[in-house]
PDB file of N, CA and C in Angstrom:
ATOM      1  N   MET A   1       0.854  -1.168   0.000  1.00  0.00           N
ATOM      2  CA  MET A   1       0.000   0.000   0.000  1.00  0.00           C
ATOM      3  C   MET A   1       0.900   1.231   0.000  1.00  0.00           C
ATOM      4  N   ASN A   2       0.574   2.197  -0.850  1.00  0.00           N
ATOM      5  CA  ASN A   2       1.454   3.359  -0.940  1.00  0.00           C
ATOM      6  C   ASN A   2       1.241   4.340   0.221  1.00  0.00           C
ATOM      7  N   SER A   3       2.202   5.217   0.407  1.00  0.00           N
ATOM      8  CA  SER A   3       2.173   6.140   1.546  1.00  0.00           C
ATOM      9  C   SER A   3       1.025   7.138   1.449  1.00  0.00           C
ATOM     10  N   TRP A   4       0.631   7.524   0.224  1.00  0.00           N
ATOM     11  CA  TRP A   4      -0.482   8.464   0.064  1.00  0.00           C
ATOM     12  C   TRP A   4      -1.771   7.871   0.632  1.00  0.00           C
ATOM     13  N   LEU A   5      -1.998   6.605   0.378  1.00  0.00           N
ATOM     14  CA  LEU A   5      -3.199   5.950   0.898  1.00  0.00           C
ATOM     15  C   LEU A   5      -3.168   5.912   2.428  1.00  0.00           C
ATOM     16  N   TRP A   6      -2.024   5.654   3.006  1.00  0.00           N
ATOM     17  CA  TRP A   6      -1.898   5.664   4.470  1.00  0.00           C
ATOM     18  C   TRP A   6      -2.178   7.046   5.043  1.00  0.00           C
ATOM     19  N   ILE A   7      -1.697   8.084   4.369  1.00  0.00           N
ATOM     20  CA  ILE A   7      -1.964   9.456   4.820  1.00  0.00           C
ATOM     21  C   ILE A   7      -3.470   9.724   4.798  1.00  0.00           C
ATOM     22  N   LYS A   8      -4.147   9.296   3.724  1.00  0.00           N
ATOM     23  CA  LYS A   8      -5.593   9.476   3.631  1.00  0.00           C
ATOM     24  C   LYS A   8      -6.311   8.741   4.766  1.00  0.00           C
ATOM     25  N   TYR A   9      -5.914   7.499   5.016  1.00  0.00           N
ATOM     26  CA  TYR A   9      -6.521   6.736   6.109  1.00  0.00           C
ATOM     27  C   TYR A   9      -6.332   7.435   7.452  1.00  0.00           C
ATOM     28  N   LEU A  10      -5.132   7.846   7.726  1.00  0.00           N
ATOM     29  CA  LEU A  10      -4.821   8.453   9.026  1.00  0.00           C
ATOM     30  C   LEU A  10      -5.546   9.782   9.233  1.00  0.00           C
ATOM     31  N   LEU A  11      -5.537  10.643   8.232  1.00  0.00           N
ATOM     32  CA  LEU A  11      -6.214  11.933   8.382  1.00  0.00           C
ATOM     33  C   LEU A  11      -7.726  11.774   8.488  1.00  0.00           C
ATOM     34  N   THR A  12      -8.289  10.881   7.686  1.00  0.00           N
ATOM     35  CA  THR A  12      -9.728  10.647   7.742  1.00  0.00           C
ATOM     36  C   THR A  12     -10.119  10.041   9.083  1.00  0.00           C
ATOM     37  N   ALA A  13      -9.347   9.087   9.567  1.00  0.00           N
ATOM     38  CA  ALA A  13      -9.611   8.490  10.879  1.00  0.00           C
ATOM     39  C   ALA A  13      -9.475   9.537  11.975  1.00  0.00           C
ATOM     40  N   ALA A  14      -8.518  10.433  11.860  1.00  0.00           N
ATOM     41  CA  ALA A  14      -8.334  11.490  12.850  1.00  0.00           C
ATOM     42  C   ALA A  14      -9.567  12.376  12.935  1.00  0.00           C
ATOM     43  N   VAL A  15     -10.199  12.640  11.815  1.00  0.00           N
ATOM     44  CA  VAL A  15     -11.423  13.449  11.824  1.00  0.00           C
ATOM     45  C   VAL A  15     -12.526  12.720  12.587  1.00  0.00           C
ATOM     46  N   VAL A  16     -12.693  11.431  12.343  1.00  0.00           N
ATOM     47  CA  VAL A  16     -13.726  10.651  13.029  1.00  0.00           C
ATOM     48  C   VAL A  16     -13.455  10.620  14.533  1.00  0.00           C
ATOM     49  N   VAL A  17     -12.215  10.402  14.918  1.00  0.00           N
ATOM     50  CA  VAL A  17     -11.854  10.382  16.343  1.00  0.00           C
ATOM     51  C   VAL A  17     -12.095  11.758  16.965  1.00  0.00           C
ATOM     52  N   ALA A  18     -11.730  12.819  16.264  1.00  0.00           N
ATOM     53  CA  ALA A  18     -11.939  14.173  16.790  1.00  0.00           C
ATOM     54  C   ALA A  18     -13.424  14.449  17.009  1.00  0.00           C
ATOM     55  N   VAL A  19     -14.258  14.045  16.069  1.00  0.00           N
ATOM     56  CA  VAL A  19     -15.703  14.244  16.219  1.00  0.00           C
ATOM     57  C   VAL A  19     -16.209  13.511  17.456  1.00  0.00           C
ATOM     58  N   SER A  20     -15.793  12.267  17.651  1.00  0.00           N
ATOM     59  CA  SER A  20     -16.266  11.515  18.821  1.00  0.00           C
ATOM     60  C   SER A  20     -15.746  12.113  20.123  1.00  0.00           C
ATOM     61  N   GLU A  21     -14.557  12.666  20.103  1.00  0.00           N
ATOM     62  CA  GLU A  21     -14.014  13.322  21.306  1.00  0.00           C
ATOM     63  C   GLU A  21     -14.763  14.618  21.613  1.00  0.00           C
ATOM     64  N   PHE A  22     -15.078  15.397  20.592  1.00  0.00           N
ATOM     65  CA  PHE A  22     -15.900  16.598  20.810  1.00  0.00           C
ATOM     66  C   PHE A  22     -17.244  16.210  21.406  1.00  0.00           C
ATOM     67  N   ALA A  23     -17.874  15.164  20.843  1.00  0.00           N
ATOM     68  CA  ALA A  23     -19.181  14.714  21.315  1.00  0.00           C
ATOM     69  C   ALA A  23     -19.118  14.217  22.752  1.00  0.00           C
ATOM     70  N   ARG A  24     -18.018  13.576  23.120  1.00  0.00           N
ATOM     71  CA  ARG A  24     -17.865  13.070  24.487  1.00  0.00           C
ATOM     72  C   ARG A  24     -17.790  14.216  25.493  1.00  0.00           C
ATOM     73  N   ARG A  25     -17.192  15.318  25.090  1.00  0.00           N
ATOM     74  CA  ARG A  25     -16.981  16.449  25.999  1.00  0.00           C
ATOM     75  C   ARG A  25     -18.148  17.431  26.029  1.00  0.00           C
ATOM     76  N   ASN A  26     -18.830  17.601  24.889  1.00  0.00           N
ATOM     77  CA  ASN A  26     -19.890  18.605  24.815  1.00  0.00           C
ATOM     78  C   ASN A  26     -20.907  18.157  23.765  1.00  0.00           C
ATOM     79  N   ASP A  27     -22.140  17.900  24.187  1.00  0.00           N
ATOM     80  CA  ASP A  27     -23.177  17.388  23.278  1.00  0.00           C
ATOM     81  C   ASP A  27     -23.415  18.311  22.090  1.00  0.00           C
ATOM     82  N   LYS A  28     -23.584  19.597  22.376  1.00  0.00           N
ATOM     83  CA  LYS A  28     -23.895  20.543  21.300  1.00  0.00           C
ATOM     84  C   LYS A  28     -22.726  20.695  20.334  1.00  0.00           C
ATOM     85  N   LEU A  29     -21.539  20.861  20.872  1.00  0.00           N
ATOM     86  CA  LEU A  29     -20.365  21.009  20.015  1.00  0.00           C
ATOM     87  C   LEU A  29     -20.128  19.732  19.216  1.00  0.00           C
ATOM     88  N   GLY A  30     -20.291  18.583  19.871  1.00  0.00           N
ATOM     89  CA  GLY A  30     -20.140  17.305  19.173  1.00  0.00           C
ATOM     90  C   GLY A  30     -21.137  17.166  18.039  1.00  0.00           C
ATOM     91  N   GLY A  31     -22.389  17.557  18.292  1.00  0.00           N
ATOM     92  CA  GLY A  31     -23.410  17.500  17.246  1.00  0.00           C
ATOM     93  C   GLY A  31     -23.091  18.437  16.093  1.00  0.00           C
ATOM     94  N   LEU A  32     -22.624  19.640  16.435  1.00  0.00           N
ATOM     95  CA  LEU A  32     -22.266  20.603  15.402  1.00  0.00           C
ATOM     96  C   LEU A  32     -21.125  20.082  14.530  1.00  0.00           C
ATOM     97  N   VAL A  33     -20.079  19.603  15.178  1.00  0.00           N
ATOM     98  CA  VAL A  33     -18.923  19.113  14.427  1.00  0.00           C
ATOM     99  C   VAL A  33     -19.310  17.878  13.609  1.00  0.00           C
ATOM    100  N   ALA A  34     -20.142  17.004  14.174  1.00  0.00           N
ATOM    101  CA  ALA A  34     -20.579  15.808  13.438  1.00  0.00           C
ATOM    102  C   ALA A  34     -21.436  16.188  12.229  1.00  0.00           C
ATOM    103  N   ALA A  35     -22.190  17.273  12.349  1.00  0.00           N
ATOM    104  CA  ALA A  35     -23.055  17.699  11.250  1.00  0.00           C
ATOM    105  C   ALA A  35     -22.278  18.360  10.115  1.00  0.00           C
ATOM    106  N   LEU A  36     -21.083  18.830  10.404  1.00  0.00           N
ATOM    107  CA  LEU A  36     -20.283  19.441   9.352  1.00  0.00           C
ATOM    108  C   LEU A  36     -19.882  18.376   8.336  1.00  0.00           C
ATOM    109  N   PRO A  37     -19.842  18.733   7.089  1.00  0.00           N
ATOM    110  CA  PRO A  37     -19.501  17.728   6.061  1.00  0.00           C
ATOM    111  C   PRO A  37     -17.991  17.485   5.971  1.00  0.00           C
ATOM    112  N   LEU A  38     -17.375  17.167   7.102  1.00  0.00           N
ATOM    113  CA  LEU A  38     -15.921  17.019   7.146  1.00  0.00           C
ATOM    114  C   LEU A  38     -15.400  15.905   6.250  1.00  0.00           C
ATOM    115  N   ILE A  39     -16.036  14.754   6.302  1.00  0.00           N
ATOM    116  CA  ILE A  39     -15.581  13.625   5.487  1.00  0.00           C
ATOM    117  C   ILE A  39     -15.796  13.932   4.007  1.00  0.00           C
ATOM    118  N   THR A  40     -16.914  14.565   3.678  1.00  0.00           N
ATOM    119  CA  THR A  40     -17.152  14.931   2.286  1.00  0.00           C
ATOM    120  C   THR A  40     -16.109  15.927   1.799  1.00  0.00           C
ATOM    121  N   VAL A  41     -15.802  16.930   2.625  1.00  0.00           N
ATOM    122  CA  VAL A  41     -14.791  17.915   2.242  1.00  0.00           C
ATOM    123  C   VAL A  41     -13.437  17.227   2.045  1.00  0.00           C
ATOM    124  N   LEU A  42     -13.095  16.344   2.980  1.00  0.00           N
ATOM    125  CA  LEU A  42     -11.842  15.599   2.819  1.00  0.00           C
ATOM    126  C   LEU A  42     -11.852  14.779   1.528  1.00  0.00           C
ATOM    127  N   SER A  43     -12.963  14.149   1.237  1.00  0.00           N
ATOM    128  CA  SER A  43     -13.061  13.354   0.008  1.00  0.00           C
ATOM    129  C   SER A  43     -12.873  14.228  -1.223  1.00  0.00           C
ATOM    130  N   LEU A  44     -13.468  15.410  -1.205  1.00  0.00           N
ATOM    131  CA  LEU A  44     -13.303  16.330  -2.325  1.00  0.00           C
ATOM    132  C   LEU A  44     -11.837  16.755  -2.473  1.00  0.00           C
ATOM    133  N   VAL A  45     -11.196  17.017  -1.345  1.00  0.00           N
ATOM    134  CA  VAL A  45      -9.778  17.389  -1.373  1.00  0.00           C
ATOM    135  C   VAL A  45      -8.949  16.235  -1.919  1.00  0.00           C
ATOM    136  N   TRP A  46      -9.222  15.006  -1.432  1.00  0.00           N
ATOM    137  CA  TRP A  46      -8.460  13.850  -1.924  1.00  0.00           C
ATOM    138  C   TRP A  46      -8.630  13.706  -3.434  1.00  0.00           C
ATOM    139  N   LEU A  47      -9.871  13.844  -3.916  1.00  0.00           N
ATOM    140  CA  LEU A  47     -10.116  13.723  -5.354  1.00  0.00           C
ATOM    141  C   LEU A  47      -9.353  14.797  -6.139  1.00  0.00           C
ATOM    142  N   GLN A  48      -9.352  16.020  -5.625  1.00  0.00           N
ATOM    143  CA  GLN A  48      -8.630  17.100  -6.296  1.00  0.00           C
ATOM    144  C   GLN A  48      -7.127  16.834  -6.306  1.00  0.00           C
ATOM    145  N   LEU A  49      -6.587  16.430  -5.158  1.00  0.00           N
ATOM    146  CA  LEU A  49      -5.152  16.170  -5.081  1.00  0.00           C
ATOM    147  C   LEU A  49      -4.730  15.001  -5.968  1.00  0.00           C
ATOM    148  N   GLU A  50      -5.660  14.087  -6.199  1.00  0.00           N
ATOM    149  CA  GLU A  50      -5.392  12.952  -7.082  1.00  0.00           C
ATOM    150  C   GLU A  50      -5.687  13.300  -8.539  1.00  0.00           C
ATOM    151  N   GLN A  51      -5.965  14.568  -8.784  1.00  0.00           N
ATOM    152  CA  GLN A  51      -6.195  15.103 -10.130  1.00  0.00           C
ATOM    153  C   GLN A  51      -7.329  14.389 -10.864  1.00  0.00           C
ATOM    154  N   GLN A  52      -8.404  14.138 -10.128  1.00  0.00           N
ATOM    155  CA  GLN A  52      -9.583  13.552 -10.751  1.00  0.00           C
ATOM    156  C   GLN A  52     -10.272  14.621 -11.602  1.00  0.00           C
ATOM    157  N   PRO A  53     -11.007  14.210 -12.613  1.00  0.00           N
ATOM    158  CA  PRO A  53     -11.710  15.182 -13.468  1.00  0.00           C
ATOM    159  C   PRO A  53     -12.724  16.001 -12.658  1.00  0.00           C
ATOM    160  N   VAL A  54     -12.909  17.232 -13.079  1.00  0.00           N
ATOM    161  CA  VAL A  54     -13.847  18.132 -12.417  1.00  0.00           C
ATOM    162  C   VAL A  54     -15.239  17.503 -12.352  1.00  0.00           C
ATOM    163  N   GLU A  55     -15.647  16.821 -13.400  1.00  0.00           N
ATOM    164  CA  GLU A  55     -16.968  16.200 -13.433  1.00  0.00           C
ATOM    165  C   GLU A  55     -17.109  15.156 -12.324  1.00  0.00           C
ATOM    166  N   LYS A  56     -16.075  14.382 -12.074  1.00  0.00           N
ATOM    167  CA  LYS A  56     -16.112  13.368 -11.009  1.00  0.00           C
ATOM    168  C   LYS A  56     -16.245  14.035  -9.641  1.00  0.00           C
ATOM    169  N   ILE A  57     -15.509  15.108  -9.419  1.00  0.00           N
ATOM    170  CA  ILE A  57     -15.570  15.830  -8.142  1.00  0.00           C
ATOM    171  C   ILE A  57     -16.956  16.448  -7.962  1.00  0.00           C
ATOM    172  N   ALA A  58     -17.476  17.055  -9.005  1.00  0.00           N
ATOM    173  CA  ALA A  58     -18.807  17.666  -8.945  1.00  0.00           C
ATOM    174  C   ALA A  58     -19.877  16.607  -8.699  1.00  0.00           C
ATOM    175  N   ASN A  59     -19.771  15.470  -9.373  1.00  0.00           N
ATOM    176  CA  ASN A  59     -20.739  14.386  -9.163  1.00  0.00           C
ATOM    177  C   ASN A  59     -20.700  13.886  -7.730  1.00  0.00           C
ATOM    178  N   HIS A  60     -19.502  13.787  -7.164  1.00  0.00           N
ATOM    179  CA  HIS A  60     -19.389  13.339  -5.773  1.00  0.00           C
ATOM    180  C   HIS A  60     -20.165  14.282  -4.851  1.00  0.00           C
ATOM    181  N   ALA A  61     -19.976  15.567  -5.016  1.00  0.00           N
ATOM    182  CA  ALA A  61     -20.689  16.548  -4.185  1.00  0.00           C
ATOM    183  C   ALA A  61     -22.196  16.478  -4.431  1.00  0.00           C
ATOM    184  N   ARG A  62     -22.598  16.377  -5.685  1.00  0.00           N
ATOM    185  CA  ARG A  62     -24.027  16.342  -6.036  1.00  0.00           C
ATOM    186  C   ARG A  62     -24.704  15.094  -5.450  1.00  0.00           C
ATOM    187  N   TYR A  63     -24.092  13.928  -5.640  1.00  0.00           N
ATOM    188  CA  TYR A  63     -24.700  12.704  -5.111  1.00  0.00           C
ATOM    189  C   TYR A  63     -24.713  12.704  -3.588  1.00  0.00           C
ATOM    190  N   THR A  64     -23.696  13.270  -2.980  1.00  0.00           N
ATOM    191  CA  THR A  64     -23.689  13.354  -1.514  1.00  0.00           C
ATOM    192  C   THR A  64     -24.921  14.102  -1.019  1.00  0.00           C
ATOM    193  N   PHE A  65     -25.257  15.206  -1.677  1.00  0.00           N
ATOM    194  CA  PHE A  65     -26.459  15.963  -1.304  1.00  0.00           C
ATOM    195  C   PHE A  65     -27.691  15.065  -1.328  1.00  0.00           C
ATOM    196  N   TRP A  66     -27.885  14.362  -2.446  1.00  0.00           N
ATOM    197  CA  TRP A  66     -29.080  13.532  -2.582  1.00  0.00           C
ATOM    198  C   TRP A  66     -29.085  12.359  -1.601  1.00  0.00           C
ATOM    199  N   TYR A  67     -27.906  11.801  -1.312  1.00  0.00           N
ATOM    200  CA  TYR A  67     -27.844  10.666  -0.390  1.00  0.00           C
ATOM    201  C   TYR A  67     -28.058  11.080   1.063  1.00  0.00           C
ATOM    202  N   VAL A  68     -27.768  12.309   1.400  1.00  0.00           N
ATOM    203  CA  VAL A  68     -27.950  12.775   2.781  1.00  0.00           C
ATOM    204  C   VAL A  68     -29.428  12.917   3.134  1.00  0.00           C
ATOM    205  N   LEU A  69     -30.236  13.372   2.204  1.00  0.00           N
ATOM    206  CA  LEU A  69     -31.636  13.679   2.503  1.00  0.00           C
ATOM    207  C   LEU A  69     -32.408  12.531   3.173  1.00  0.00           C
ATOM    208  N   PRO A  70     -32.371  11.301   2.630  1.00  0.00           N
ATOM    209  CA  PRO A  70     -33.152  10.246   3.296  1.00  0.00           C
ATOM    210  C   PRO A  70     -32.528   9.746   4.602  1.00  0.00           C
ATOM    211  N   THR A  71     -31.330  10.206   4.938  1.00  0.00           N
ATOM    212  CA  THR A  71     -30.729   9.785   6.214  1.00  0.00           C
ATOM    213  C   THR A  71     -31.135  10.697   7.365  1.00  0.00           C
ATOM    214  N   LEU A  72     -31.635  11.875   7.079  1.00  0.00           N
ATOM    215  CA  LEU A  72     -31.928  12.851   8.133  1.00  0.00           C
ATOM    216  C   LEU A  72     -32.963  12.381   9.164  1.00  0.00           C
ATOM    217  N   PRO A  73     -34.048  11.695   8.761  1.00  0.00           N
ATOM    218  CA  PRO A  73     -35.011  11.248   9.786  1.00  0.00           C
ATOM    219  C   PRO A  73     -34.395  10.354  10.865  1.00  0.00           C
ATOM    220  N   MET A  74     -33.326   9.639  10.537  1.00  0.00           N
ATOM    221  CA  MET A  74     -32.684   8.784  11.523  1.00  0.00           C
ATOM    222  C   MET A  74     -32.275   9.568  12.766  1.00  0.00           C
ATOM    223  N   PHE A  75     -31.851  10.809  12.578  1.00  0.00           N
ATOM    224  CA  PHE A  75     -31.364  11.599  13.697  1.00  0.00           C
ATOM    225  C   PHE A  75     -32.486  12.080  14.612  1.00  0.00           C
ATOM    226  N   LEU A  76     -33.724  11.973  14.167  1.00  0.00           N
ATOM    227  CA  LEU A  76     -34.871  12.253  15.036  1.00  0.00           C
ATOM    228  C   LEU A  76     -35.426  10.968  15.643  1.00  0.00           C
ATOM    229  N   VAL A  77     -35.449   9.898  14.852  1.00  0.00           N
ATOM    230  CA  VAL A  77     -36.013   8.628  15.312  1.00  0.00           C
ATOM    231  C   VAL A  77     -35.091   7.943  16.318  1.00  0.00           C
ATOM    232  N   PHE A  78     -33.795   7.952  16.073  1.00  0.00           N
ATOM    233  CA  PHE A  78     -32.859   7.258  16.960  1.00  0.00           C
ATOM    234  C   PHE A  78     -32.964   7.719  18.418  1.00  0.00           C
ATOM    235  N   PRO A  79     -32.919   9.019  18.737  1.00  0.00           N
ATOM    236  CA  PRO A  79     -33.023   9.407  20.150  1.00  0.00           C
ATOM    237  C   PRO A  79     -34.349   8.982  20.784  1.00  0.00           C
ATOM    238  N   TRP A  80     -35.408   9.039  19.991  1.00  0.00           N
ATOM    239  CA  TRP A  80     -36.715   8.637  20.501  1.00  0.00           C
ATOM    240  C   TRP A  80     -36.732   7.139  20.818  1.00  0.00           C
ATOM    241  N   LEU A  81     -36.205   6.327  19.901  1.00  0.00           N
ATOM    242  CA  LEU A  81     -36.143   4.878  20.127  1.00  0.00           C
ATOM    243  C   LEU A  81     -35.150   4.515  21.225  1.00  0.00           C
ATOM    244  N   LEU A  82     -34.068   5.248  21.313  1.00  0.00           N
ATOM    245  CA  LEU A  82     -33.026   4.970  22.307  1.00  0.00           C
ATOM    246  C   LEU A  82     -33.596   4.981  23.724  1.00  0.00           C
ATOM    247  N   ALA A  83     -34.430   5.941  24.010  1.00  0.00           N
ATOM    248  CA  ALA A  83     -35.027   6.051  25.347  1.00  0.00           C
ATOM    249  C   ALA A  83     -35.999   4.902  25.634  1.00  0.00           C
ATOM    250  N   ARG A  84     -36.521   4.272  24.589  1.00  0.00           N
ATOM    251  CA  ARG A  84     -37.529   3.229  24.768  1.00  0.00           C
ATOM    252  C   ARG A  84     -36.977   1.813  24.630  1.00  0.00           C
ATOM    253  N   TRP A  85     -36.001   1.619  23.727  1.00  0.00           N
ATOM    254  CA  TRP A  85     -35.552   0.275  23.393  1.00  0.00           C
ATOM    255  C   TRP A  85     -34.122  -0.026  23.767  1.00  0.00           C
ATOM    256  N   GLY A  86     -33.335   0.994  24.085  1.00  0.00           N
ATOM    257  CA  GLY A  86     -31.912   0.779  24.321  1.00  0.00           C
ATOM    258  C   GLY A  86     -31.115   1.007  23.046  1.00  0.00           C
ATOM    259  N   PHE A  87     -29.789   1.003  23.207  1.00  0.00           N
ATOM    260  CA  PHE A  87     -28.913   1.423  22.117  1.00  0.00           C
ATOM    261  C   PHE A  87     -28.984   0.549  20.875  1.00  0.00           C
ATOM    262  N   TRP A  88     -28.696  -0.753  21.006  1.00  0.00           N
ATOM    263  CA  TRP A  88     -28.574  -1.602  19.816  1.00  0.00           C
ATOM    264  C   TRP A  88     -29.878  -1.755  19.046  1.00  0.00           C
ATOM    265  N   PRO A  89     -31.003  -2.022  19.720  1.00  0.00           N
ATOM    266  CA  PRO A  89     -32.261  -2.089  18.951  1.00  0.00           C
ATOM    267  C   PRO A  89     -32.609  -0.758  18.288  1.00  0.00           C
ATOM    268  N   ALA A  90     -32.350   0.346  18.983  1.00  0.00           N
ATOM    269  CA  ALA A  90     -32.633   1.665  18.405  1.00  0.00           C
ATOM    270  C   ALA A  90     -31.745   1.928  17.192  1.00  0.00           C
ATOM    271  N   LEU A  91     -30.476   1.594  17.313  1.00  0.00           N
ATOM    272  CA  LEU A  91     -29.554   1.806  16.192  1.00  0.00           C
ATOM    273  C   LEU A  91     -29.932   0.927  15.005  1.00  0.00           C
ATOM    274  N   GLY A  92     -30.176  -0.342  15.263  1.00  0.00           N
ATOM    275  CA  GLY A  92     -30.567  -1.253  14.182  1.00  0.00           C
ATOM    276  C   GLY A  92     -31.845  -0.814  13.499  1.00  0.00           C
ATOM    277  N   SER A  93     -32.846  -0.447  14.284  1.00  0.00           N
ATOM    278  CA  SER A  93     -34.119   0.003  13.717  1.00  0.00           C
ATOM    279  C   SER A  93     -33.942   1.286  12.918  1.00  0.00           C
ATOM    280  N   SER A  94     -33.120   2.178  13.414  1.00  0.00           N
ATOM    281  CA  SER A  94     -32.866   3.438  12.717  1.00  0.00           C
ATOM    282  C   SER A  94     -32.159   3.189  11.389  1.00  0.00           C
ATOM    283  N   LEU A  95     -31.240   2.238  11.383  1.00  0.00           N
ATOM    284  CA  LEU A  95     -30.545   1.907  10.134  1.00  0.00           C
ATOM    285  C   LEU A  95     -31.489   1.265   9.123  1.00  0.00           C
ATOM    286  N   VAL A  96     -32.364   0.386   9.605  1.00  0.00           N
ATOM    287  CA  VAL A  96     -33.354  -0.229   8.711  1.00  0.00           C
ATOM    288  C   VAL A  96     -34.277   0.849   8.152  1.00  0.00           C
ATOM    289  N   LEU A  97     -34.732   1.754   9.016  1.00  0.00           N
ATOM    290  CA  LEU A  97     -35.572   2.862   8.560  1.00  0.00           C
ATOM    291  C   LEU A  97     -34.851   3.664   7.476  1.00  0.00           C
ATOM    292  N   THR A  98     -33.579   3.936   7.692  1.00  0.00           N
ATOM    293  CA  THR A  98     -32.800   4.711   6.725  1.00  0.00           C
ATOM    294  C   THR A  98     -32.722   3.992   5.386  1.00  0.00           C
ATOM    295  N   LEU A  99     -32.495   2.684   5.412  1.00  0.00           N
ATOM    296  CA  LEU A  99     -32.454   1.908   4.169  1.00  0.00           C
ATOM    297  C   LEU A  99     -33.789   1.943   3.436  1.00  0.00           C
ATOM    298  N   VAL A 100     -34.879   1.800   4.180  1.00  0.00           N
ATOM    299  CA  VAL A 100     -36.215   1.838   3.576  1.00  0.00           C
ATOM    300  C   VAL A 100     -36.483   3.220   2.981  1.00  0.00           C
ATOM    301  N   LEU A 101     -36.158   4.268   3.756  1.00  0.00           N
ATOM    302  CA  LEU A 101     -36.360   5.630   3.262  1.00  0.00           C
ATOM    303  C   LEU A 101     -35.489   5.907   2.038  1.00  0.00           C
ATOM    304  N   PHE A 102     -34.255   5.410   2.068  1.00  0.00           N
ATOM    305  CA  PHE A 102     -33.383   5.617   0.915  1.00  0.00           C
ATOM    306  C   PHE A 102     -33.962   4.946  -0.327  1.00  0.00           C
ATOM    307  N   ALA A 103     -34.407   3.709  -0.194  1.00  0.00           N
ATOM    308  CA  ALA A 103     -34.973   2.990  -1.341  1.00  0.00           C
ATOM    309  C   ALA A 103     -36.199   3.723  -1.879  1.00  0.00           C
ATOM    310  N   ALA A 104     -37.078   4.163  -0.983  1.00  0.00           N
ATOM    311  CA  ALA A 104     -38.276   4.894  -1.411  1.00  0.00           C
ATOM    312  C   ALA A 104     -37.905   6.224  -2.065  1.00  0.00           C
ATOM    313  N   PHE A 105     -36.944   6.910  -1.475  1.00  0.00           N
ATOM    314  CA  PHE A 105     -36.495   8.195  -2.002  1.00  0.00           C
ATOM    315  C   PHE A 105     -35.864   8.018  -3.388  1.00  0.00           C
ATOM    316  N   ALA A 106     -35.006   7.024  -3.520  1.00  0.00           N
ATOM    317  CA  ALA A 106     -34.345   6.763  -4.800  1.00  0.00           C
ATOM    318  C   ALA A 106     -35.382   6.418  -5.869  1.00  0.00           C
ATOM    319  N   TRP A 107     -36.351   5.617  -5.500  1.00  0.00           N
ATOM    320  CA  TRP A 107     -37.407   5.240  -6.445  1.00  0.00           C
ATOM    321  C   TRP A 107     -38.188   6.475  -6.889  1.00  0.00           C
ATOM    322  N   CYS A 108     -38.565   7.322  -5.925  1.00  0.00           N
ATOM    323  CA  CYS A 108     -39.326   8.544  -6.246  1.00  0.00           C
ATOM    324  C   CYS A 108     -38.514   9.492  -7.124  1.00  0.00           C
ATOM    325  N   MET A 109     -37.259   9.689  -6.797  1.00  0.00           N
ATOM    326  CA  MET A 109     -36.428  10.611  -7.573  1.00  0.00           C
ATOM    327  C   MET A 109     -36.241  10.111  -9.006  1.00  0.00           C
ATOM    328  N   ALA A 110     -36.075   8.796  -9.160  1.00  0.00           N
ATOM    329  CA  ALA A 110     -35.937   8.227 -10.505  1.00  0.00           C
ATOM    330  C   ALA A 110     -37.260   8.344 -11.265  1.00  0.00           C
ATOM    331  N   ARG A 111     -38.332   8.043 -10.580  1.00  0.00           N
ATOM    332  CA  ARG A 111     -39.667   8.104 -11.208  1.00  0.00           C
ATOM    333  C   ARG A 111     -40.011   9.517 -11.662  1.00  0.00           C
ATOM    334  N   LEU A 112     -39.612  10.515 -10.875  1.00  0.00           N
ATOM    335  CA  LEU A 112     -39.860  11.918 -11.225  1.00  0.00           C
ATOM    336  C   LEU A 112     -38.829  12.459 -12.218  1.00  0.00           C
ATOM    337  N   GLY A 113     -37.794  11.670 -12.482  1.00  0.00           N
ATOM    338  CA  GLY A 113     -36.776  12.092 -13.426  1.00  0.00           C
ATOM    339  C   GLY A 113     -35.810  13.133 -12.860  1.00  0.00           C
ATOM    340  N   VAL A 114     -35.715  13.220 -11.525  1.00  0.00           N
ATOM    341  CA  VAL A 114     -34.842  14.198 -10.885  1.00  0.00           C
ATOM    342  C   VAL A 114     -33.394  13.725 -10.919  1.00  0.00           C
ATOM    343  N   VAL A 115     -33.151  12.525 -10.400  1.00  0.00           N
ATOM    344  CA  VAL A 115     -31.802  11.976 -10.355  1.00  0.00           C
ATOM    345  C   VAL A 115     -31.898  10.465 -10.190  1.00  0.00           C
ATOM    346  N   ASP A 116     -30.968   9.746 -10.800  1.00  0.00           N
ATOM    347  CA  ASP A 116     -30.912   8.293 -10.663  1.00  0.00           C
ATOM    348  C   ASP A 116     -29.891   7.969  -9.587  1.00  0.00           C
ATOM    349  N   LEU A 117     -30.339   7.495  -8.436  1.00  0.00           N
ATOM    350  CA  LEU A 117     -29.458   7.245  -7.296  1.00  0.00           C
ATOM    351  C   LEU A 117     -29.014   5.792  -7.187  1.00  0.00           C
ATOM    352  N   LEU A 118     -29.536   4.942  -8.037  1.00  0.00           N
ATOM    353  CA  LEU A 118     -29.148   3.533  -7.942  1.00  0.00           C
ATOM    354  C   LEU A 118     -28.282   3.091  -9.079  1.00  0.00           C
TER     355      LEU A 118
END
């Protein structure tokens, strides 16, 4: 494995660890930092540094937007389920909900001719 790939792994992992550390210390700050598109920005930077075509970089940003939308309800459902079912059942149910919402969203967007997500 080349050194560039290791640098990407380490920096990306550092962002994830930093987000979890912020969240451990302060709920609001952790939520804010987690909501920032840090991984997406890093991905865009990696693509640019790897001299990927502008169209590929633009598509990455565009698809990220569409893929985020059906994941948003999870952040409301998970806390509600967490208080009632505990962590693992709430997380699993939230992930299943997200998959169902994504499939429905992708189907609707394709049917309306907005974007093909599959």
